[in-house]
Amino acid sequence: MQNRITNNLEVMELKKQKSIVLSLVISAIVMNSSLVVHAFESEKVDNMQQTTPPHSPFDYIIREHYYGEMLSWKDVRPLIPRKATFQVIDLDTGISFQVQKRAGNQHADVQPLTKNDTQIMKEIYEDKWSWKRRAILVTIEDRMIAASMHGMPHGGGALSNGFPGHFCIHFAGSMTHRTKNTDPTHQLMVLKAAGKLEKYRDQMDPYEVVDLFFTAINQSDLYLLQMTLAEPYREHAATILKRFHRIGAAAKDLPYKKSDQLPVIALELPVDLPYYDLRQKKKSKSVTLTLIRDGLTNRWEIYSKDFFN
């Protein structure tokens, strides 16, 4: 009898602890925390050593995340023939809407299914259509697949949905129609949707970290930007995004020169940076990015103060 009472008390205590954890997570959402909680199922990423993202104090509560399956475009394409409808879930917000595939050989050209779906998509992009890439999950035949979308209507459209054209969804290995090359930013978002971005980031050389730094600014992506910065400087990431709204240099014309030989411990990289401020006024700034390789993790991180001084 005593053992039964003890067991019941232990069960009650465990339920109480779970309730506290759930309340903390719900509170984080209510307070508009950047913590992402996904109330849906997908294939769990196995054998991945996840590092704690730098932006959320609640990540210790739910270290086991559910992400999408990283399936290549050649395997996804047969699953979504022309006029197929499927669900898109925005990874950062958990908001979902329905789309229909209209065309696309190198990636999927899709349209929101209804006017309501168009409105939901526009809310995800804060009521402004944008070329910004976002990590998404696509549900096809009971599978949750990692993908990336942008939010800019372009080209033709055939549905009466209030969406003036179509938009693009990329998967692992998919390419642009015109250049027949992969879009690096879309591929980063696919990695994010698959839960593999942290590990990929840890293996970057210093120049790849700098490229990610500029990509994060162009995408106004706080999470990506924080991933490039050393711990003492991550708190300034929002200031950097506010000050340097958009980098003016094209990806093929990066504002720095790479050395043929990778540095071993540290790198000082002079950058002549054209950028646009929040008022879309073009400016320029000469800065030096300082990157140091962590002795324990071998991870290259940016230590420069020039971007928020």
C-alpha atoms as a PDB file:
ATOM      1  CA  MET A   1       0.000   0.000   0.000  1.00  0.00           C
ATOM      2  CA  GLN A   2       2.811   2.380   0.919  1.00  0.00           C
ATOM      3  CA  ASN A   3       4.606   1.609  -2.374  1.00  0.00           C
ATOM      4  CA  ARG A   4       1.429   2.387  -4.340  1.00  0.00           C
ATOM      5  CA  ILE A   5       1.052   5.735  -2.573  1.00  0.00           C
ATOM      6  CA  THR A   6       4.720   6.534  -3.255  1.00  0.00           C
ATOM      7  CA  ASN A   7       4.347   5.635  -6.924  1.00  0.00           C
ATOM      8  CA  ASN A   8       1.230   7.779  -7.237  1.00  0.00           C
ATOM      9  CA  LEU A   9       3.022  10.714  -5.647  1.00  0.00           C
ATOM     10  CA  GLU A  10       5.937  10.297  -8.073  1.00  0.00           C
ATOM     11  CA  VAL A  11       3.543  10.240 -11.045  1.00  0.00           C
ATOM     12  CA  MET A  12       1.783  13.352  -9.749  1.00  0.00           C
ATOM     13  CA  GLU A  13       5.115  15.138  -9.275  1.00  0.00           C
ATOM     14  CA  LEU A  14       6.202  14.203 -12.815  1.00  0.00           C
ATOM     15  CA  LYS A  15       2.925  15.551 -14.236  1.00  0.00           C
ATOM     16  CA  LYS A  16       3.416  18.733 -12.211  1.00  0.00           C
ATOM     17  CA  GLN A  17       6.922  19.212 -13.647  1.00  0.00           C
ATOM     18  CA  LYS A  18       5.653  18.645 -17.189  1.00  0.00           C
ATOM     19  CA  SER A  19       2.885  21.159 -16.575  1.00  0.00           C
ATOM     20  CA  ILE A  20       5.433  23.755 -15.411  1.00  0.00           C
ATOM     21  CA  VAL A  21       7.542  23.203 -18.530  1.00  0.00           C
ATOM     22  CA  LEU A  22       4.482  23.501 -20.774  1.00  0.00           C
ATOM     23  CA  SER A  23       3.456  26.706 -19.019  1.00  0.00           C
ATOM     24  CA  LEU A  24       6.911  28.184 -19.570  1.00  0.00           C
ATOM     25  CA  VAL A  25       6.778  27.342 -23.277  1.00  0.00           C
ATOM     26  CA  ILE A  26       3.294  28.812 -23.655  1.00  0.00           C
ATOM     27  CA  SER A  27       4.435  31.921 -21.781  1.00  0.00           C
ATOM     28  CA  ALA A  28       7.329  32.290 -24.197  1.00  0.00           C
ATOM     29  CA  ILE A  29       4.924  32.281 -27.119  1.00  0.00           C
ATOM     30  CA  VAL A  30       2.553  34.763 -25.488  1.00  0.00           C
ATOM     31  CA  MET A  31       5.443  37.120 -24.780  1.00  0.00           C
ATOM     32  CA  ASN A  32       6.445  36.981 -28.470  1.00  0.00           C
ATOM     33  CA  SER A  33       9.648  35.147 -27.637  1.00  0.00           C
ATOM     34  CA  SER A  34      11.749  34.090 -30.615  1.00  0.00           C
ATOM     35  CA  LEU A  35      11.481  30.512 -29.371  1.00  0.00           C
ATOM     36  CA  VAL A  36       9.855  28.368 -32.038  1.00  0.00           C
ATOM     37  CA  VAL A  37       7.489  25.641 -30.846  1.00  0.00           C
ATOM     38  CA  HIS A  38       6.137  23.380 -33.565  1.00  0.00           C
ATOM     39  CA  ALA A  39       2.856  21.647 -32.769  1.00  0.00           C
ATOM     40  CA  PHE A  40       3.199  19.205 -35.619  1.00  0.00           C
ATOM     41  CA  GLU A  41       5.059  15.997 -36.361  1.00  0.00           C
ATOM     42  CA  SER A  42       7.814  15.333 -38.836  1.00  0.00           C
ATOM     43  CA  GLU A  43      10.799  13.055 -39.102  1.00  0.00           C
ATOM     44  CA  LYS A  44      13.182  13.714 -36.234  1.00  0.00           C
ATOM     45  CA  VAL A  45      16.714  14.554 -37.207  1.00  0.00           C
ATOM     46  CA  ASP A  46      18.845  11.642 -36.027  1.00  0.00           C
ATOM     47  CA  ASN A  47      22.517  11.587 -35.130  1.00  0.00           C
ATOM     48  CA  MET A  48      22.801  15.371 -35.055  1.00  0.00           C
ATOM     49  CA  GLN A  49      24.543  17.141 -32.194  1.00  0.00           C
ATOM     50  CA  GLN A  50      22.367  20.244 -31.833  1.00  0.00           C
ATOM     51  CA  THR A  51      23.988  23.300 -30.309  1.00  0.00           C
ATOM     52  CA  THR A  52      21.910  25.782 -28.375  1.00  0.00           C
ATOM     53  CA  PRO A  53      20.759  28.646 -30.611  1.00  0.00           C
ATOM     54  CA  PRO A  54      21.920  31.943 -29.168  1.00  0.00           C
ATOM     55  CA  HIS A  55      18.602  33.754 -29.231  1.00  0.00           C
ATOM     56  CA  SER A  56      16.338  31.985 -26.758  1.00  0.00           C
ATOM     57  CA  PRO A  57      16.614  31.387 -22.998  1.00  0.00           C
ATOM     58  CA  PHE A  58      13.999  28.619 -23.239  1.00  0.00           C
ATOM     59  CA  ASP A  59      15.862  26.258 -25.571  1.00  0.00           C
ATOM     60  CA  TYR A  60      17.010  24.041 -22.700  1.00  0.00           C
ATOM     61  CA  ILE A  61      13.350  23.107 -22.146  1.00  0.00           C
ATOM     62  CA  ILE A  62      12.820  21.502 -25.538  1.00  0.00           C
ATOM     63  CA  ARG A  63      16.178  20.480 -26.935  1.00  0.00           C
ATOM     64  CA  GLU A  64      14.532  17.751 -29.061  1.00  0.00           C
ATOM     65  CA  HIS A  65      13.021  19.643 -32.003  1.00  0.00           C
ATOM     66  CA  TYR A  66      11.056  18.266 -34.887  1.00  0.00           C
ATOM     67  CA  TYR A  67      12.122  19.392 -38.308  1.00  0.00           C
ATOM     68  CA  GLY A  68      11.475  18.390 -41.877  1.00  0.00           C
ATOM     69  CA  GLU A  69      12.939  15.558 -43.858  1.00  0.00           C
ATOM     70  CA  MET A  70      15.764  16.738 -46.110  1.00  0.00           C
ATOM     71  CA  LEU A  71      14.618  15.248 -49.404  1.00  0.00           C
ATOM     72  CA  SER A  72      16.274  16.161 -52.705  1.00  0.00           C
ATOM     73  CA  TRP A  73      14.345  17.918 -55.467  1.00  0.00           C
ATOM     74  CA  LYS A  74      14.636  14.926 -57.813  1.00  0.00           C
ATOM     75  CA  ASP A  75      12.787  12.861 -55.192  1.00  0.00           C
ATOM     76  CA  VAL A  76      10.278  15.588 -54.308  1.00  0.00           C
ATOM     77  CA  ARG A  77       9.313  16.475 -57.867  1.00  0.00           C
ATOM     78  CA  PRO A  78       7.346  13.244 -58.592  1.00  0.00           C
ATOM     79  CA  LEU A  79       5.400  13.784 -55.351  1.00  0.00           C
ATOM     80  CA  ILE A  80       3.993  17.139 -56.494  1.00  0.00           C
ATOM     81  CA  PRO A  81       2.762  16.960 -60.087  1.00  0.00           C
ATOM     82  CA  ARG A  82       1.181  19.999 -61.758  1.00  0.00           C
ATOM     83  CA  LYS A  83      -1.958  21.220 -59.956  1.00  0.00           C
ATOM     84  CA  ALA A  84      -1.128  19.227 -56.829  1.00  0.00           C
ATOM     85  CA  THR A  85      -2.140  21.003 -53.617  1.00  0.00           C
ATOM     86  CA  PHE A  86      -0.190  20.815 -50.386  1.00  0.00           C
ATOM     87  CA  GLN A  87       0.352  22.630 -47.095  1.00  0.00           C
ATOM     88  CA  VAL A  88       3.182  25.052 -46.354  1.00  0.00           C
ATOM     89  CA  ILE A  89       4.194  25.667 -42.724  1.00  0.00           C
ATOM     90  CA  ASP A  90       6.441  28.622 -41.907  1.00  0.00           C
ATOM     91  CA  LEU A  91       9.144  27.332 -39.577  1.00  0.00           C
ATOM     92  CA  ASP A  92       9.606  30.512 -37.529  1.00  0.00           C
ATOM     93  CA  THR A  93       5.942  31.233 -36.849  1.00  0.00           C
ATOM     94  CA  GLY A  94       4.214  27.851 -37.253  1.00  0.00           C
ATOM     95  CA  ILE A  95       1.612  29.559 -39.482  1.00  0.00           C
ATOM     96  CA  SER A  96       0.371  27.416 -42.371  1.00  0.00           C
ATOM     97  CA  PHE A  97      -1.468  27.903 -45.648  1.00  0.00           C
ATOM     98  CA  GLN A  98      -2.395  25.889 -48.741  1.00  0.00           C
ATOM     99  CA  VAL A  99      -0.763  26.186 -52.157  1.00  0.00           C
ATOM    100  CA  GLN A 100      -1.119  24.657 -55.602  1.00  0.00           C
ATOM    101  CA  LYS A 101       1.809  23.790 -57.833  1.00  0.00           C
ATOM    102  CA  ARG A 102       1.439  25.394 -61.263  1.00  0.00           C
ATOM    103  CA  ALA A 103       4.778  24.648 -62.957  1.00  0.00           C
ATOM    104  CA  GLY A 104       8.504  24.235 -62.365  1.00  0.00           C
ATOM    105  CA  ASN A 105      11.188  21.854 -63.565  1.00  0.00           C
ATOM    106  CA  GLN A 106      14.109  23.092 -61.458  1.00  0.00           C
ATOM    107  CA  HIS A 107      11.990  24.007 -58.411  1.00  0.00           C
ATOM    108  CA  ALA A 108       8.287  24.371 -57.629  1.00  0.00           C
ATOM    109  CA  ASP A 109       6.363  27.403 -58.955  1.00  0.00           C
ATOM    110  CA  VAL A 110       3.276  27.643 -56.758  1.00  0.00           C
ATOM    111  CA  GLN A 111       0.336  29.902 -55.892  1.00  0.00           C
ATOM    112  CA  PRO A 112      -1.675  30.311 -52.698  1.00  0.00           C
ATOM    113  CA  LEU A 113      -4.818  28.242 -53.173  1.00  0.00           C
ATOM    114  CA  THR A 114      -7.406  30.840 -52.103  1.00  0.00           C
ATOM    115  CA  LYS A 115      -7.659  34.512 -51.193  1.00  0.00           C
ATOM    116  CA  ASN A 116      -7.529  33.495 -47.549  1.00  0.00           C
ATOM    117  CA  ASP A 117      -4.274  31.599 -48.160  1.00  0.00           C
ATOM    118  CA  THR A 118      -2.864  34.695 -49.878  1.00  0.00           C
ATOM    119  CA  GLN A 119      -3.717  36.796 -46.855  1.00  0.00           C
ATOM    120  CA  ILE A 120      -2.100  34.285 -44.492  1.00  0.00           C
ATOM    121  CA  MET A 121       1.068  34.254 -46.572  1.00  0.00           C
ATOM    122  CA  LYS A 122       1.177  38.046 -46.600  1.00  0.00           C
ATOM    123  CA  GLU A 123       0.847  38.082 -42.805  1.00  0.00           C
ATOM    124  CA  ILE A 124       3.923  35.835 -42.585  1.00  0.00           C
ATOM    125  CA  TYR A 125       5.793  38.503 -44.551  1.00  0.00           C
ATOM    126  CA  GLU A 126       4.480  41.262 -42.266  1.00  0.00           C
ATOM    127  CA  ASP A 127       2.047  42.546 -44.925  1.00  0.00           C
ATOM    128  CA  LYS A 128       4.829  43.327 -47.428  1.00  0.00           C
ATOM    129  CA  TRP A 129       5.742  41.090 -50.348  1.00  0.00           C
ATOM    130  CA  SER A 130       9.440  40.312 -50.209  1.00  0.00           C
ATOM    131  CA  TRP A 131      12.201  38.292 -51.870  1.00  0.00           C
ATOM    132  CA  LYS A 132      13.346  37.261 -48.404  1.00  0.00           C
ATOM    133  CA  ARG A 133      13.859  33.517 -48.093  1.00  0.00           C
ATOM    134  CA  ARG A 134      12.105  31.698 -45.263  1.00  0.00           C
ATOM    135  CA  ALA A 135      12.534  28.162 -43.959  1.00  0.00           C
ATOM    136  CA  ILE A 136       9.340  26.169 -44.408  1.00  0.00           C
ATOM    137  CA  LEU A 137       7.966  22.655 -44.035  1.00  0.00           C
ATOM    138  CA  VAL A 138       5.936  21.141 -46.872  1.00  0.00           C
ATOM    139  CA  THR A 139       3.452  18.361 -46.118  1.00  0.00           C
ATOM    140  CA  ILE A 140       3.182  15.836 -48.944  1.00  0.00           C
ATOM    141  CA  GLU A 141       1.620  12.385 -48.571  1.00  0.00           C
ATOM    142  CA  ASP A 142       2.010  12.383 -44.769  1.00  0.00           C
ATOM    143  CA  ARG A 143       5.638  13.471 -45.071  1.00  0.00           C
ATOM    144  CA  MET A 144       7.061  16.698 -43.691  1.00  0.00           C
ATOM    145  CA  ILE A 145       9.770  17.928 -46.067  1.00  0.00           C
ATOM    146  CA  ALA A 146      12.299  20.728 -45.487  1.00  0.00           C
ATOM    147  CA  ALA A 147      12.070  23.556 -48.012  1.00  0.00           C
ATOM    148  CA  SER A 148      12.478  27.302 -48.572  1.00  0.00           C
ATOM    149  CA  MET A 149      10.214  29.955 -50.063  1.00  0.00           C
ATOM    150  CA  HIS A 150      10.381  33.618 -50.948  1.00  0.00           C
ATOM    151  CA  GLY A 151       7.442  36.001 -50.716  1.00  0.00           C
ATOM    152  CA  MET A 152       7.396  37.948 -53.976  1.00  0.00           C
ATOM    153  CA  PRO A 153       4.626  37.499 -56.584  1.00  0.00           C
ATOM    154  CA  HIS A 154       6.094  37.369 -60.074  1.00  0.00           C
ATOM    155  CA  GLY A 155       5.333  35.908 -63.483  1.00  0.00           C
ATOM    156  CA  GLY A 156       1.929  34.513 -64.323  1.00  0.00           C
ATOM    157  CA  GLY A 157      -0.845  33.135 -62.160  1.00  0.00           C
ATOM    158  CA  ALA A 158      -4.046  31.266 -62.956  1.00  0.00           C
ATOM    159  CA  LEU A 159      -6.020  31.106 -59.700  1.00  0.00           C
ATOM    160  CA  SER A 160      -8.577  33.622 -58.436  1.00  0.00           C
ATOM    161  CA  ASN A 161      -6.716  34.107 -55.192  1.00  0.00           C
ATOM    162  CA  GLY A 162      -5.732  37.783 -55.105  1.00  0.00           C
ATOM    163  CA  PHE A 163      -2.076  36.839 -55.646  1.00  0.00           C
ATOM    164  CA  PRO A 164      -0.604  38.605 -58.693  1.00  0.00           C
ATOM    165  CA  GLY A 165       1.548  35.794 -60.062  1.00  0.00           C
ATOM    166  CA  HIS A 166       3.317  32.853 -58.442  1.00  0.00           C
ATOM    167  CA  PHE A 167       6.181  32.341 -55.976  1.00  0.00           C
ATOM    168  CA  CYS A 168       8.959  29.768 -55.708  1.00  0.00           C
ATOM    169  CA  ILE A 169       9.604  26.896 -53.332  1.00  0.00           C
ATOM    170  CA  HIS A 170      13.051  25.312 -53.296  1.00  0.00           C
ATOM    171  CA  PHE A 171      14.131  21.951 -51.898  1.00  0.00           C
ATOM    172  CA  ALA A 172      17.557  20.402 -51.315  1.00  0.00           C
ATOM    173  CA  GLY A 173      19.512  20.608 -54.552  1.00  0.00           C
ATOM    174  CA  SER A 174      16.877  22.499 -56.538  1.00  0.00           C
ATOM    175  CA  MET A 175      18.031  25.199 -58.932  1.00  0.00           C
ATOM    176  CA  THR A 176      16.854  28.465 -60.416  1.00  0.00           C
ATOM    177  CA  HIS A 177      15.166  28.235 -63.815  1.00  0.00           C
ATOM    178  CA  ARG A 178      17.367  30.832 -65.496  1.00  0.00           C
ATOM    179  CA  THR A 179      20.891  30.105 -64.246  1.00  0.00           C
ATOM    180  CA  LYS A 180      20.463  26.375 -63.544  1.00  0.00           C
ATOM    181  CA  ASN A 181      22.420  26.924 -60.322  1.00  0.00           C
ATOM    182  CA  THR A 182      21.392  26.378 -56.724  1.00  0.00           C
ATOM    183  CA  ASP A 183      20.397  29.487 -54.792  1.00  0.00           C
ATOM    184  CA  PRO A 184      22.725  29.567 -51.728  1.00  0.00           C
ATOM    185  CA  THR A 185      20.248  31.392 -49.490  1.00  0.00           C
ATOM    186  CA  HIS A 186      17.409  29.007 -50.344  1.00  0.00           C
ATOM    187  CA  GLN A 187      19.726  26.098 -49.547  1.00  0.00           C
ATOM    188  CA  LEU A 188      20.590  27.648 -46.164  1.00  0.00           C
ATOM    189  CA  MET A 189      16.880  27.857 -45.392  1.00  0.00           C
ATOM    190  CA  VAL A 190      16.402  24.219 -46.405  1.00  0.00           C
ATOM    191  CA  LEU A 191      19.154  23.271 -43.950  1.00  0.00           C
ATOM    192  CA  LYS A 192      17.420  25.351 -41.274  1.00  0.00           C
ATOM    193  CA  ALA A 193      14.095  23.635 -41.948  1.00  0.00           C
ATOM    194  CA  ALA A 194      15.814  20.242 -41.686  1.00  0.00           C
ATOM    195  CA  GLY A 195      17.495  21.090 -38.377  1.00  0.00           C
ATOM    196  CA  LYS A 196      20.945  20.751 -39.944  1.00  0.00           C
ATOM    197  CA  LEU A 197      21.991  24.389 -40.140  1.00  0.00           C
ATOM    198  CA  GLU A 198      23.882  24.491 -36.822  1.00  0.00           C
ATOM    199  CA  LYS A 199      26.139  21.585 -37.772  1.00  0.00           C
ATOM    200  CA  TYR A 200      26.694  23.025 -41.246  1.00  0.00           C
ATOM    201  CA  ARG A 201      27.585  26.382 -39.684  1.00  0.00           C
ATOM    202  CA  ASP A 202      30.183  24.795 -37.392  1.00  0.00           C
ATOM    203  CA  GLN A 203      32.069  23.420 -40.389  1.00  0.00           C
ATOM    204  CA  MET A 204      32.302  26.734 -42.282  1.00  0.00           C
ATOM    205  CA  ASP A 205      35.655  28.289 -43.114  1.00  0.00           C
ATOM    206  CA  PRO A 206      36.109  32.008 -42.215  1.00  0.00           C
ATOM    207  CA  TYR A 207      35.120  33.279 -45.666  1.00  0.00           C
ATOM    208  CA  GLU A 208      31.941  31.214 -45.614  1.00  0.00           C
ATOM    209  CA  VAL A 209      31.122  32.731 -42.209  1.00  0.00           C
ATOM    210  CA  VAL A 210      31.552  36.210 -43.703  1.00  0.00           C
ATOM    211  CA  ASP A 211      29.292  35.260 -46.622  1.00  0.00           C
ATOM    212  CA  LEU A 212      26.696  34.055 -44.115  1.00  0.00           C
ATOM    213  CA  PHE A 213      27.085  37.335 -42.215  1.00  0.00           C
ATOM    214  CA  PHE A 214      26.222  39.371 -45.336  1.00  0.00           C
ATOM    215  CA  THR A 215      23.413  36.980 -46.264  1.00  0.00           C
ATOM    216  CA  ALA A 216      21.883  37.407 -42.815  1.00  0.00           C
ATOM    217  CA  ILE A 217      21.922  41.202 -43.206  1.00  0.00           C
ATOM    218  CA  ASN A 218      20.355  41.032 -46.673  1.00  0.00           C
ATOM    219  CA  GLN A 219      17.677  38.676 -45.370  1.00  0.00           C
ATOM    220  CA  SER A 220      17.143  40.695 -42.153  1.00  0.00           C
ATOM    221  CA  ASP A 221      17.527  37.358 -40.384  1.00  0.00           C
ATOM    222  CA  LEU A 222      18.440  37.852 -36.729  1.00  0.00           C
ATOM    223  CA  TYR A 223      18.968  34.148 -36.095  1.00  0.00           C
ATOM    224  CA  LEU A 224      21.414  33.728 -38.997  1.00  0.00           C
ATOM    225  CA  LEU A 225      23.300  36.851 -37.978  1.00  0.00           C
ATOM    226  CA  GLN A 226      23.682  35.703 -34.388  1.00  0.00           C
ATOM    227  CA  MET A 227      25.138  32.430 -35.647  1.00  0.00           C
ATOM    228  CA  THR A 228      28.094  34.296 -37.168  1.00  0.00           C
ATOM    229  CA  LEU A 229      28.966  36.413 -34.119  1.00  0.00           C
ATOM    230  CA  ALA A 230      31.048  35.515 -31.099  1.00  0.00           C
ATOM    231  CA  GLU A 231      29.150  35.335 -27.826  1.00  0.00           C
ATOM    232  CA  PRO A 232      30.010  38.851 -26.536  1.00  0.00           C
ATOM    233  CA  TYR A 233      28.645  40.472 -29.706  1.00  0.00           C
ATOM    234  CA  ARG A 234      25.418  38.543 -30.336  1.00  0.00           C
ATOM    235  CA  GLU A 235      23.413  41.021 -28.275  1.00  0.00           C
ATOM    236  CA  HIS A 236      24.270  43.671 -30.883  1.00  0.00           C
ATOM    237  CA  ALA A 237      22.830  41.699 -33.822  1.00  0.00           C
ATOM    238  CA  ALA A 238      19.547  43.629 -33.853  1.00  0.00           C
ATOM    239  CA  THR A 239      21.495  46.915 -33.935  1.00  0.00           C
ATOM    240  CA  ILE A 240      23.469  45.692 -36.951  1.00  0.00           C
ATOM    241  CA  LEU A 241      20.273  44.803 -38.829  1.00  0.00           C
ATOM    242  CA  LYS A 242      18.792  48.199 -38.044  1.00  0.00           C
ATOM    243  CA  ARG A 243      21.851  50.111 -39.156  1.00  0.00           C
ATOM    244  CA  PHE A 244      22.782  48.069 -42.242  1.00  0.00           C
ATOM    245  CA  HIS A 245      19.416  47.322 -43.777  1.00  0.00           C
ATOM    246  CA  ARG A 246      20.680  45.795 -47.021  1.00  0.00           C
ATOM    247  CA  ILE A 247      24.120  45.127 -48.464  1.00  0.00           C
ATOM    248  CA  GLY A 248      24.594  46.703 -51.885  1.00  0.00           C
ATOM    249  CA  ALA A 249      27.189  44.254 -53.214  1.00  0.00           C
ATOM    250  CA  ALA A 250      26.046  41.382 -55.379  1.00  0.00           C
ATOM    251  CA  ALA A 251      27.007  37.842 -54.419  1.00  0.00           C
ATOM    252  CA  LYS A 252      29.278  37.588 -57.471  1.00  0.00           C
ATOM    253  CA  ASP A 253      31.050  40.812 -56.472  1.00  0.00           C
ATOM    254  CA  LEU A 254      31.774  40.386 -52.778  1.00  0.00           C
ATOM    255  CA  PRO A 255      33.182  43.460 -50.985  1.00  0.00           C
ATOM    256  CA  TYR A 256      36.375  41.690 -49.904  1.00  0.00           C
ATOM    257  CA  LYS A 257      39.194  39.586 -51.321  1.00  0.00           C
ATOM    258  CA  LYS A 258      39.832  35.990 -50.364  1.00  0.00           C
ATOM    259  CA  SER A 259      43.312  34.654 -49.780  1.00  0.00           C
ATOM    260  CA  ASP A 260      44.404  31.491 -51.563  1.00  0.00           C
ATOM    261  CA  GLN A 261      45.511  30.056 -48.243  1.00  0.00           C
ATOM    262  CA  LEU A 262      43.134  29.750 -45.302  1.00  0.00           C
ATOM    263  CA  PRO A 263      44.318  31.273 -42.022  1.00  0.00           C
ATOM    264  CA  VAL A 264      44.974  28.983 -39.091  1.00  0.00           C
ATOM    265  CA  ILE A 265      43.860  30.936 -36.018  1.00  0.00           C
ATOM    266  CA  ALA A 266      42.715  34.461 -36.875  1.00  0.00           C
ATOM    267  CA  LEU A 267      41.804  36.648 -39.824  1.00  0.00           C
ATOM    268  CA  GLU A 268      41.441  40.402 -40.286  1.00  0.00           C
ATOM    269  CA  LEU A 269      39.417  41.085 -43.412  1.00  0.00           C
ATOM    270  CA  PRO A 270      39.135  44.653 -44.784  1.00  0.00           C
ATOM    271  CA  VAL A 271      35.725  45.295 -46.342  1.00  0.00           C
ATOM    272  CA  ASP A 272      34.544  48.233 -48.455  1.00  0.00           C
ATOM    273  CA  LEU A 273      30.875  47.917 -47.769  1.00  0.00           C
ATOM    274  CA  PRO A 274      28.102  49.518 -49.837  1.00  0.00           C
ATOM    275  CA  TYR A 275      24.773  49.298 -48.008  1.00  0.00           C
ATOM    276  CA  TYR A 276      21.312  50.816 -47.693  1.00  0.00           C
ATOM    277  CA  ASP A 277      19.886  52.188 -44.476  1.00  0.00           C
ATOM    278  CA  LEU A 278      16.267  51.813 -43.375  1.00  0.00           C
ATOM    279  CA  ARG A 279      15.313  54.866 -45.480  1.00  0.00           C
ATOM    280  CA  GLN A 280      16.770  53.116 -48.553  1.00  0.00           C
ATOM    281  CA  LYS A 281      19.575  55.673 -48.712  1.00  0.00           C
ATOM    282  CA  LYS A 282      22.753  54.216 -50.198  1.00  0.00           C
ATOM    283  CA  LYS A 283      25.872  54.609 -48.067  1.00  0.00           C
ATOM    284  CA  SER A 284      29.310  53.063 -47.783  1.00  0.00           C
ATOM    285  CA  LYS A 285      31.626  52.163 -44.939  1.00  0.00           C
ATOM    286  CA  SER A 286      35.132  50.745 -44.693  1.00  0.00           C
ATOM    287  CA  VAL A 287      35.329  48.190 -41.916  1.00  0.00           C
ATOM    288  CA  THR A 288      37.582  45.379 -40.793  1.00  0.00           C
ATOM    289  CA  LEU A 289      36.015  42.078 -39.885  1.00  0.00           C
ATOM    290  CA  THR A 290      37.996  40.182 -37.258  1.00  0.00           C
ATOM    291  CA  LEU A 291      37.452  36.430 -37.178  1.00  0.00           C
ATOM    292  CA  ILE A 292      38.960  34.097 -34.591  1.00  0.00           C
ATOM    293  CA  ARG A 293      38.912  30.325 -34.551  1.00  0.00           C
ATOM    294  CA  ASP A 294      37.773  28.873 -31.241  1.00  0.00           C
ATOM    295  CA  GLY A 295      40.437  26.603 -29.775  1.00  0.00           C
ATOM    296  CA  LEU A 296      37.954  24.064 -28.418  1.00  0.00           C
ATOM    297  CA  THR A 297      35.287  23.898 -31.118  1.00  0.00           C
ATOM    298  CA  ASN A 298      37.330  24.989 -34.188  1.00  0.00           C
ATOM    299  CA  ARG A 299      34.395  27.269 -35.013  1.00  0.00           C
ATOM    300  CA  TRP A 300      35.185  30.561 -36.777  1.00  0.00           C
ATOM    301  CA  GLU A 301      33.372  33.548 -35.248  1.00  0.00           C
ATOM    302  CA  ILE A 302      33.213  37.292 -35.924  1.00  0.00           C
ATOM    303  CA  TYR A 303      34.512  39.619 -33.183  1.00  0.00           C
ATOM    304  CA  SER A 304      34.421  42.932 -35.032  1.00  0.00           C
ATOM    305  CA  LYS A 305      32.879  45.984 -33.346  1.00  0.00           C
ATOM    306  CA  ASP A 306      32.823  48.099 -36.505  1.00  0.00           C
ATOM    307  CA  PHE A 307      29.270  47.148 -37.381  1.00  0.00           C
ATOM    308  CA  PHE A 308      27.642  48.579 -34.287  1.00  0.00           C
ATOM    309  CA  ASN A 309      29.994  51.430 -33.306  1.00  0.00           C
END
